[in-house]
Amino acid sequence: MSVRVLVLLTGLYFAQGLPFGFFTQAIPVLLRDAGLSLTAISLTSFLYLPWGIKFLWAPAVDRIGTRRQWLLATQLGSAGVAFALAATDLAGSLRWLFVAIAAINLLSATQDIATDGLTVRLLGPRERGLGNGIQTGAYRLGMIAGGGGLLWIYADGGWRVLLLTLGGLILLCTVPVAFLAHETPPDGPPSTAPPGPPGGLSTAWWHRLRRPGVIALIALLAAYKFGNAMVSAIAGPFLHDTGLNLKEIALVSGALSSAGALVGSALGGWWAFRYGRRAALIGGGVSQTVAIGLYVAAAIGLGGFPMVVAANLTEHVFGGAATVALFTLMMDASEHEHAGADYTLLACAVVAAQGAAGFAGGVSGDLLGYAATFGIGMALSGIGCWVFVRALDRGSGPRSLTTWSRNPAPTP
């Protein structure tokens, strides 16, 4: 892998994590600081809908124009939205902030489609392990910068400085794309196949969804992550309501816990490789459930500030490990000849489930309080893990899922 390709992929995945970390970790804290209810804050999860439905326009990204054109358009568009928002007065209304969040999520989700396709073209089979490491690491570093770093900047400089910094960093990550044409072969000659009938792409996705066992697997994936996603959605406002200032939250929830999630990602990958998918998912599910128990303890006043920090860090570590193991299983469940379509469909289903869980967590937090909501999340996480394992042990899921109870054979 050349240095230029390494820099290119690092910049693109960092650029994805940067706004996502800001919107998912910093924005809930800032909205709580502005006096919004947990229910109102949870509604912002619907602004991430593009990540749940991006499979609908993924074929267009592959077939229209080049990946370089898509990457330049989406990166420059995201930076432009941030700069435009910096020139907007947010003191009276947050309406334009929500519009910007929706727009940048649409652009980032589209950038992700182009980046993943580009990565497959640029890297040979022996390089893809390193490529996946770059993807996870750069994305997490972007989340740390976006969640903790930008929140820290806001505490000192306010909205305008924060948004100018966000736009500037996205622009910086766009620079390597200008050299992309020199590093990758053309996307290929135009297809000579006749166009399919109207609705053909929609029919193809419906066919993949109707594959035996896929609906059951989607339900199981949602059950496995629902409780953990409920807790994650209100973790930031909880830190605010325990009395931490913005800089302390930036350190705990942004830098420290995102670094913990990076460690958890490595742990989940090693767990699945060393002991198999079943052991990794049981271990990840049980450990993330136990970690949520620390939030329950913190919410009822046990342990003080150290318990709050321990809960946040531990949940990120083991939640990250469980997520990596889950995504590995999703790859196993994808048929080789339809791997991109199958995996994107499952990934979008997980995003949609996490969005619904985030809304449920916000409503429950307003109605029942933090302690009860964390307790519900803990119970659902444990039940979801048990149901997931029992169902797959009994053969639920698509036939392509052949690595559930054993280590996959090494690739020749």
Protein backbone atom coordinates (compact mmCIF):
# COMPACT_ATOMS: atom_id res chain seq x y z
CA MET A 1 0.00 0.00 0.00
CA SER A 2 1.49 3.36 -1.02
CA VAL A 3 1.78 6.22 1.42
CA ARG A 4 -0.59 8.30 -0.69
CA VAL A 5 -3.30 5.63 -0.55
CA LEU A 6 -2.77 5.27 3.20
CA VAL A 7 -3.23 9.03 3.68
CA LEU A 8 -6.25 9.06 1.37
CA LEU A 9 -8.14 6.31 3.21
CA THR A 10 -7.20 7.66 6.63
CA GLY A 11 -8.50 11.11 5.68
CA LEU A 12 -11.75 9.80 4.22
CA TYR A 13 -12.65 7.62 7.20
CA PHE A 14 -11.54 10.33 9.66
CA ALA A 15 -13.84 12.74 7.81
CA GLN A 16 -16.76 10.33 8.34
CA GLY A 17 -16.13 9.98 12.07
CA LEU A 18 -15.63 13.71 12.67
CA PRO A 19 -19.21 14.96 12.16
CA PHE A 20 -20.72 11.71 13.45
CA GLY A 21 -18.83 12.03 16.74
CA PHE A 22 -19.87 15.67 17.03
CA PHE A 23 -23.54 14.99 16.34
CA THR A 24 -23.89 11.85 18.48
CA GLN A 25 -21.68 12.78 21.45
CA ALA A 26 -21.41 16.57 21.63
CA ILE A 27 -24.81 17.71 20.31
CA PRO A 28 -26.90 15.81 22.94
CA VAL A 29 -24.83 17.49 25.68
CA LEU A 30 -25.21 20.93 24.12
CA LEU A 31 -28.96 20.47 23.65
CA ARG A 32 -29.31 19.39 27.26
CA ASP A 33 -27.28 22.42 28.28
CA ALA A 34 -29.78 24.53 26.29
CA GLY A 35 -32.63 23.07 28.38
CA LEU A 36 -34.17 20.55 25.94
CA SER A 37 -35.91 17.45 27.31
CA LEU A 38 -34.52 13.97 26.80
CA THR A 39 -37.43 13.17 24.47
CA ALA A 40 -36.67 16.21 22.32
CA ILE A 41 -32.99 15.29 22.22
CA SER A 42 -33.79 11.71 21.26
CA LEU A 43 -35.80 12.92 18.26
CA THR A 44 -32.54 14.05 16.68
CA SER A 45 -31.77 10.35 16.09
CA PHE A 46 -34.17 10.49 13.13
CA LEU A 47 -31.77 12.94 11.47
CA TYR A 48 -29.41 9.97 10.98
CA LEU A 49 -31.95 8.22 8.73
CA PRO A 50 -29.66 8.44 5.65
CA TRP A 51 -27.31 5.95 7.29
CA GLY A 52 -30.21 3.50 7.61
CA ILE A 53 -31.48 3.77 4.03
CA LYS A 54 -28.28 4.44 2.05
CA PHE A 55 -28.64 1.08 0.29
CA LEU A 56 -31.41 2.71 -1.79
CA TRP A 57 -28.99 4.97 -3.69
CA ALA A 58 -25.80 2.89 -3.40
CA PRO A 59 -26.21 1.49 -6.97
CA ALA A 60 -26.40 5.07 -8.29
CA VAL A 61 -23.07 5.91 -6.67
CA ASP A 62 -21.53 2.87 -8.40
CA ARG A 63 -23.04 3.58 -11.82
CA ILE A 64 -23.09 7.38 -12.20
CA GLY A 65 -19.85 9.37 -12.50
CA THR A 66 -16.62 8.36 -10.75
CA ARG A 67 -15.86 7.80 -7.09
CA ARG A 68 -13.50 10.76 -7.15
CA GLN A 69 -16.38 12.99 -8.26
CA TRP A 70 -18.67 11.66 -5.56
CA LEU A 71 -16.00 12.09 -2.88
CA LEU A 72 -15.20 15.67 -3.89
CA ALA A 73 -18.89 16.58 -4.06
CA THR A 74 -19.80 15.09 -0.69
CA GLN A 75 -16.71 16.34 1.17
CA LEU A 76 -16.95 19.87 -0.20
CA GLY A 77 -20.70 19.83 0.41
CA SER A 78 -20.25 18.87 4.08
CA ALA A 79 -17.63 21.58 4.59
CA GLY A 80 -19.88 24.11 2.87
CA VAL A 81 -22.81 23.26 5.15
CA ALA A 82 -20.59 23.74 8.22
CA PHE A 83 -19.32 27.11 6.96
CA ALA A 84 -22.85 28.26 6.09
CA LEU A 85 -24.07 27.31 9.55
CA ALA A 86 -21.18 29.26 11.09
CA ALA A 87 -22.61 32.39 9.44
CA THR A 88 -26.06 31.69 10.91
CA ASP A 89 -27.31 33.06 14.21
CA LEU A 90 -28.17 30.01 16.33
CA ALA A 91 -29.03 32.01 19.45
CA GLY A 92 -32.74 32.34 18.68
CA SER A 93 -33.49 28.98 17.10
CA LEU A 94 -31.81 25.62 16.57
CA ARG A 95 -33.83 24.89 13.42
CA TRP A 96 -30.92 25.50 11.07
CA LEU A 97 -28.68 23.32 13.20
CA PHE A 98 -31.05 20.39 12.71
CA VAL A 99 -31.25 21.07 8.97
CA ALA A 100 -27.43 21.05 8.83
CA ILE A 101 -27.24 17.77 10.78
CA ALA A 102 -29.63 16.11 8.32
CA ALA A 103 -27.74 17.48 5.30
CA ILE A 104 -24.29 16.44 6.53
CA ASN A 105 -25.58 12.98 7.44
CA LEU A 106 -26.93 12.56 3.90
CA LEU A 107 -23.60 13.68 2.42
CA SER A 108 -21.53 11.54 4.83
CA ALA A 109 -23.62 8.41 4.18
CA THR A 110 -23.12 8.89 0.44
CA GLN A 111 -19.40 9.48 0.98
CA ASP A 112 -19.28 6.18 2.88
CA ILE A 113 -20.70 4.31 -0.12
CA ALA A 114 -18.06 5.77 -2.43
CA THR A 115 -15.24 5.26 0.09
CA ASP A 116 -16.07 1.59 0.72
CA GLY A 117 -16.23 0.91 -3.00
CA LEU A 118 -12.94 2.72 -3.54
CA THR A 119 -11.23 0.76 -0.77
CA VAL A 120 -12.13 -2.54 -2.44
CA ARG A 121 -10.64 -1.30 -5.74
CA LEU A 122 -7.44 0.14 -4.24
CA LEU A 123 -6.51 -2.74 -1.94
CA GLY A 124 -5.58 -6.28 -2.91
CA PRO A 125 -6.72 -9.27 -0.82
CA ARG A 126 -3.55 -9.24 1.32
CA GLU A 127 -3.94 -5.51 2.07
CA ARG A 128 -7.57 -5.53 3.11
CA GLY A 129 -6.84 -6.49 6.71
CA LEU A 130 -4.75 -3.35 7.04
CA GLY A 131 -7.47 -1.46 5.21
CA ASN A 132 -10.08 -2.56 7.74
CA GLY A 133 -7.76 -1.51 10.55
CA ILE A 134 -7.39 1.93 8.96
CA GLN A 135 -11.16 2.18 8.58
CA THR A 136 -11.89 1.43 12.24
CA GLY A 137 -8.98 3.41 13.67
CA ALA A 138 -9.39 6.55 11.54
CA TYR A 139 -13.16 6.58 12.07
CA ARG A 140 -12.74 6.31 15.83
CA LEU A 141 -10.10 9.04 15.85
CA GLY A 142 -12.54 11.21 13.94
CA MET A 143 -15.20 10.51 16.55
CA ILE A 144 -12.77 11.47 19.33
CA ALA A 145 -11.97 14.75 17.57
CA GLY A 146 -15.62 15.42 16.77
CA GLY A 147 -17.08 14.39 20.12
CA GLY A 148 -14.46 15.51 22.62
CA GLY A 149 -12.29 17.93 20.66
CA LEU A 150 -15.08 20.04 19.17
CA LEU A 151 -16.98 20.10 22.47
CA TRP A 152 -13.83 21.44 24.11
CA ILE A 153 -13.54 24.11 21.40
CA TYR A 154 -17.20 25.07 21.92
CA ALA A 155 -16.60 25.53 25.65
CA ASP A 156 -13.93 28.13 24.85
CA GLY A 157 -15.03 29.67 21.55
CA GLY A 158 -18.75 29.04 21.02
CA TRP A 159 -20.69 27.88 17.96
CA ARG A 160 -18.94 29.92 15.28
CA VAL A 161 -15.41 28.79 16.13
CA LEU A 162 -16.62 25.20 16.48
CA LEU A 163 -18.31 25.15 13.05
CA LEU A 164 -15.39 26.87 11.30
CA THR A 165 -13.09 24.23 12.80
CA LEU A 166 -15.39 21.41 11.68
CA GLY A 167 -15.54 22.74 8.12
CA GLY A 168 -11.79 23.34 8.02
CA LEU A 169 -10.98 19.79 9.13
CA ILE A 170 -13.31 18.31 6.51
CA LEU A 171 -11.60 20.44 3.85
CA LEU A 172 -8.20 19.24 5.05
CA CYS A 173 -9.34 15.63 4.67
CA THR A 174 -10.46 16.42 1.11
CA VAL A 175 -6.98 17.39 -0.10
CA PRO A 176 -5.81 13.78 -0.79
CA VAL A 177 -8.89 13.22 -2.99
CA ALA A 178 -7.44 15.70 -5.49
CA PHE A 179 -4.64 13.19 -6.18
CA LEU A 180 -6.99 10.21 -6.41
CA ALA A 181 -6.93 10.06 -10.22
CA HIS A 182 -3.19 9.33 -10.10
CA GLU A 183 -3.57 6.41 -7.68
CA THR A 184 -6.47 4.35 -8.94
CA PRO A 185 -7.45 2.87 -12.27
CA PRO A 186 -10.57 4.21 -13.97
CA ASP A 187 -13.83 2.97 -12.53
CA GLY A 188 -14.25 0.89 -15.63
CA PRO A 189 -15.88 1.24 -19.02
CA PRO A 190 -19.54 2.11 -19.16
CA SER A 191 -21.79 -0.86 -18.94
CA THR A 192 -23.13 -2.16 -22.23
CA ALA A 193 -25.92 -4.09 -20.58
CA PRO A 194 -29.43 -2.81 -21.36
CA PRO A 195 -31.07 -0.85 -18.58
CA GLY A 196 -33.27 -2.85 -16.30
CA PRO A 197 -37.00 -2.30 -16.00
CA PRO A 198 -38.30 0.55 -13.83
CA GLY A 199 -38.04 -0.40 -10.19
CA GLY A 200 -35.43 -3.04 -10.96
CA LEU A 201 -33.09 -1.95 -8.18
CA SER A 202 -35.92 -1.88 -5.67
CA THR A 203 -36.93 -5.38 -6.72
CA ALA A 204 -33.34 -6.56 -6.26
CA TRP A 205 -33.17 -5.25 -2.71
CA TRP A 206 -36.56 -6.75 -1.92
CA HIS A 207 -35.25 -10.07 -3.21
CA ARG A 208 -32.23 -9.89 -0.87
CA LEU A 209 -34.50 -9.01 2.05
CA ARG A 210 -36.74 -12.00 1.28
CA ARG A 211 -33.82 -14.43 1.32
CA PRO A 212 -34.70 -17.19 3.84
CA GLY A 213 -33.54 -16.30 7.34
CA VAL A 214 -32.69 -12.63 6.67
CA ILE A 215 -35.75 -11.12 8.39
CA ALA A 216 -35.14 -13.34 11.41
CA LEU A 217 -31.48 -12.29 11.54
CA ILE A 218 -32.42 -8.60 11.35
CA ALA A 219 -34.79 -9.04 14.29
CA LEU A 220 -32.07 -10.81 16.27
CA LEU A 221 -29.50 -8.10 15.49
CA ALA A 222 -31.94 -5.45 16.71
CA ALA A 223 -32.65 -7.39 19.91
CA TYR A 224 -28.93 -7.79 20.61
CA LYS A 225 -28.13 -4.05 20.42
CA PHE A 226 -31.42 -2.42 21.50
CA GLY A 227 -30.75 -2.16 25.24
CA ASN A 228 -27.20 -0.92 24.78
CA ALA A 229 -28.36 1.69 22.23
CA MET A 230 -31.03 2.96 24.66
CA VAL A 231 -28.36 3.64 27.26
CA SER A 232 -25.86 5.17 24.84
CA ALA A 233 -28.46 7.66 23.59
CA ILE A 234 -28.90 9.32 26.99
CA ALA A 235 -25.37 8.84 28.35
CA GLY A 236 -24.27 12.34 27.32
CA PRO A 237 -27.22 14.15 28.93
CA PHE A 238 -26.70 11.99 32.05
CA LEU A 239 -23.13 13.25 32.37
CA HIS A 240 -24.43 16.81 32.06
CA ASP A 241 -27.13 16.27 34.68
CA THR A 242 -24.67 14.78 37.17
CA GLY A 243 -22.96 18.19 37.27
CA LEU A 244 -20.00 17.77 34.91
CA ASN A 245 -19.05 20.87 32.95
CA LEU A 246 -18.58 20.83 29.19
CA LYS A 247 -14.81 20.37 29.31
CA GLU A 248 -15.12 17.46 31.74
CA ILE A 249 -17.76 15.85 29.50
CA ALA A 250 -15.49 16.41 26.49
CA LEU A 251 -12.71 14.56 28.27
CA VAL A 252 -14.83 11.70 29.64
CA SER A 253 -17.36 11.09 26.86
CA GLY A 254 -15.31 12.37 23.94
CA ALA A 255 -11.64 11.51 24.26
CA LEU A 256 -11.44 8.89 27.01
CA SER A 257 -14.48 6.80 26.09
CA SER A 258 -13.91 6.99 22.33
CA ALA A 259 -10.40 5.71 22.94
CA GLY A 260 -11.99 2.96 25.04
CA ALA A 261 -14.27 2.08 22.12
CA LEU A 262 -11.20 1.81 19.90
CA VAL A 263 -9.68 -0.65 22.39
CA GLY A 264 -13.01 -2.50 22.47
CA SER A 265 -13.03 -2.77 18.68
CA ALA A 266 -9.62 -4.43 18.74
CA LEU A 267 -10.79 -6.71 21.58
CA GLY A 268 -13.91 -7.76 19.65
CA GLY A 269 -11.91 -8.55 16.52
CA TRP A 270 -9.37 -10.62 18.45
CA TRP A 271 -12.14 -12.37 20.40
CA ALA A 272 -13.93 -13.45 17.23
CA PHE A 273 -10.70 -14.59 15.56
CA ARG A 274 -9.36 -16.50 18.56
CA TYR A 275 -12.49 -18.10 20.02
CA GLY A 276 -15.09 -17.95 17.25
CA ARG A 277 -18.23 -15.92 16.61
CA ARG A 278 -20.43 -17.56 19.24
CA ALA A 279 -17.98 -17.05 22.11
CA ALA A 280 -17.25 -13.46 21.02
CA LEU A 281 -20.92 -12.52 20.85
CA ILE A 282 -21.74 -14.17 24.18
CA GLY A 283 -18.76 -12.49 25.82
CA GLY A 284 -19.53 -9.13 24.25
CA GLY A 285 -23.23 -9.29 25.07
CA VAL A 286 -22.72 -10.32 28.69
CA SER A 287 -19.95 -7.77 29.29
CA GLN A 288 -21.88 -4.88 27.75
CA THR A 289 -24.87 -5.83 29.93
CA VAL A 290 -22.75 -5.84 33.08
CA ALA A 291 -21.22 -2.50 32.06
CA ILE A 292 -24.70 -0.96 31.88
CA GLY A 293 -25.10 -2.01 35.52
CA LEU A 294 -22.44 0.57 36.38
CA TYR A 295 -24.71 3.24 34.93
CA VAL A 296 -27.52 2.02 37.18
CA ALA A 297 -25.20 2.31 40.17
CA ALA A 298 -24.11 5.82 39.14
CA ALA A 299 -27.72 6.92 38.59
CA ILE A 300 -28.75 5.94 42.14
CA GLY A 301 -25.79 7.84 43.57
CA LEU A 302 -23.24 5.11 44.21
CA GLY A 303 -19.55 5.77 43.71
CA GLY A 304 -19.76 9.45 42.79
CA PHE A 305 -17.67 10.83 39.92
CA PRO A 306 -15.37 7.75 39.63
CA MET A 307 -18.44 5.53 39.07
CA VAL A 308 -19.72 7.85 36.34
CA VAL A 309 -16.36 7.70 34.56
CA ALA A 310 -16.11 3.92 35.02
CA ALA A 311 -19.62 3.40 33.63
CA ASN A 312 -18.99 5.52 30.55
CA LEU A 313 -15.58 4.02 29.79
CA THR A 314 -16.56 0.40 30.44
CA GLU A 315 -19.73 0.61 28.35
CA HIS A 316 -17.73 2.01 25.42
CA VAL A 317 -15.07 -0.71 25.67
CA PHE A 318 -17.41 -3.69 25.86
CA GLY A 319 -20.13 -2.17 23.67
CA GLY A 320 -17.44 -1.65 21.03
CA ALA A 321 -16.25 -5.24 21.37
CA ALA A 322 -19.81 -6.55 20.98
CA THR A 323 -20.40 -4.39 17.92
CA VAL A 324 -17.27 -5.60 16.10
CA ALA A 325 -18.19 -9.23 16.79
CA LEU A 326 -21.71 -8.54 15.54
CA PHE A 327 -20.47 -6.93 12.32
CA THR A 328 -18.13 -9.85 11.74
CA LEU A 329 -21.10 -12.20 11.94
CA MET A 330 -22.99 -9.98 9.50
CA MET A 331 -20.17 -10.41 6.99
CA ASP A 332 -20.37 -14.17 7.49
CA ALA A 333 -24.11 -14.05 6.77
CA SER A 334 -23.60 -12.26 3.43
CA GLU A 335 -23.53 -14.45 0.33
CA HIS A 336 -20.28 -14.12 -1.60
CA GLU A 337 -21.82 -13.07 -4.90
CA HIS A 338 -24.08 -10.50 -3.17
CA ALA A 339 -21.77 -9.55 -0.29
CA GLY A 340 -22.04 -5.79 -0.72
CA ALA A 341 -25.82 -5.77 -1.01
CA ASP A 342 -26.37 -8.21 1.84
CA TYR A 343 -23.98 -6.51 4.26
CA THR A 344 -25.30 -3.01 3.51
CA LEU A 345 -28.86 -4.20 4.11
CA LEU A 346 -27.97 -5.71 7.49
CA ALA A 347 -25.90 -2.67 8.51
CA CYS A 348 -28.74 -0.31 7.61
CA ALA A 349 -31.15 -2.43 9.65
CA VAL A 350 -28.86 -2.13 12.69
CA VAL A 351 -28.68 1.66 12.29
CA ALA A 352 -32.48 1.87 12.08
CA ALA A 353 -32.85 -0.27 15.21
CA GLN A 354 -30.37 1.90 17.10
CA GLY A 355 -32.29 5.02 16.08
CA ALA A 356 -35.54 3.54 17.43
CA ALA A 357 -33.74 2.51 20.63
CA GLY A 358 -32.36 6.03 21.05
CA PHE A 359 -35.86 7.51 20.83
CA ALA A 360 -37.17 4.93 23.30
CA GLY A 361 -34.34 5.78 25.70
CA GLY A 362 -35.14 9.50 25.57
CA VAL A 363 -38.86 9.01 26.20
CA SER A 364 -38.21 6.55 29.02
CA GLY A 365 -35.63 8.90 30.58
CA ASP A 366 -38.14 11.75 30.69
CA LEU A 367 -40.95 9.58 32.06
CA LEU A 368 -39.10 7.26 34.45
CA GLY A 369 -35.73 8.88 35.14
CA TYR A 370 -32.20 7.76 34.48
CA ALA A 371 -31.96 4.90 37.00
CA ALA A 372 -35.09 3.13 35.75
CA THR A 373 -34.16 3.64 32.09
CA PHE A 374 -30.66 2.29 32.62
CA GLY A 375 -32.20 -0.69 34.43
CA ILE A 376 -34.57 -1.32 31.50
CA GLY A 377 -31.66 -1.05 29.07
CA MET A 378 -29.64 -3.52 31.11
CA ALA A 379 -32.52 -6.02 31.18
CA LEU A 380 -33.16 -5.69 27.44
CA SER A 381 -29.45 -6.10 26.69
CA GLY A 382 -29.27 -9.33 28.69
CA ILE A 383 -32.50 -10.71 27.23
CA GLY A 384 -31.46 -9.72 23.72
CA CYS A 385 -28.14 -11.53 24.06
CA TRP A 386 -29.86 -14.69 25.36
CA VAL A 387 -32.50 -14.66 22.58
CA PHE A 388 -29.81 -14.02 19.94
CA VAL A 389 -27.66 -16.96 21.01
CA ARG A 390 -30.56 -19.37 21.52
CA ALA A 391 -32.09 -18.59 18.14
CA LEU A 392 -28.83 -19.01 16.21
CA ASP A 393 -28.06 -22.21 18.11
CA ARG A 394 -31.38 -23.52 16.77
CA GLY A 395 -30.50 -22.64 13.18
CA SER A 396 -32.16 -19.26 12.69
CA GLY A 397 -30.64 -16.98 10.10
CA PRO A 398 -29.66 -17.43 6.44
CA ARG A 399 -27.99 -20.59 5.19
CA SER A 400 -24.83 -18.66 4.38
CA LEU A 401 -24.21 -18.24 8.12
CA THR A 402 -21.85 -21.21 8.56
CA THR A 403 -19.35 -19.81 11.11
CA TRP A 404 -21.67 -19.39 14.09
CA SER A 405 -20.46 -22.14 16.39
CA ARG A 406 -16.92 -22.59 15.17
CA ASN A 407 -13.88 -20.67 14.03
CA PRO A 408 -13.95 -20.08 10.25
CA ALA A 409 -11.42 -22.05 8.30
CA PRO A 410 -8.35 -20.09 7.29
CA THR A 411 -8.41 -18.69 3.79
CA PRO A 412 -6.04 -20.56 1.49
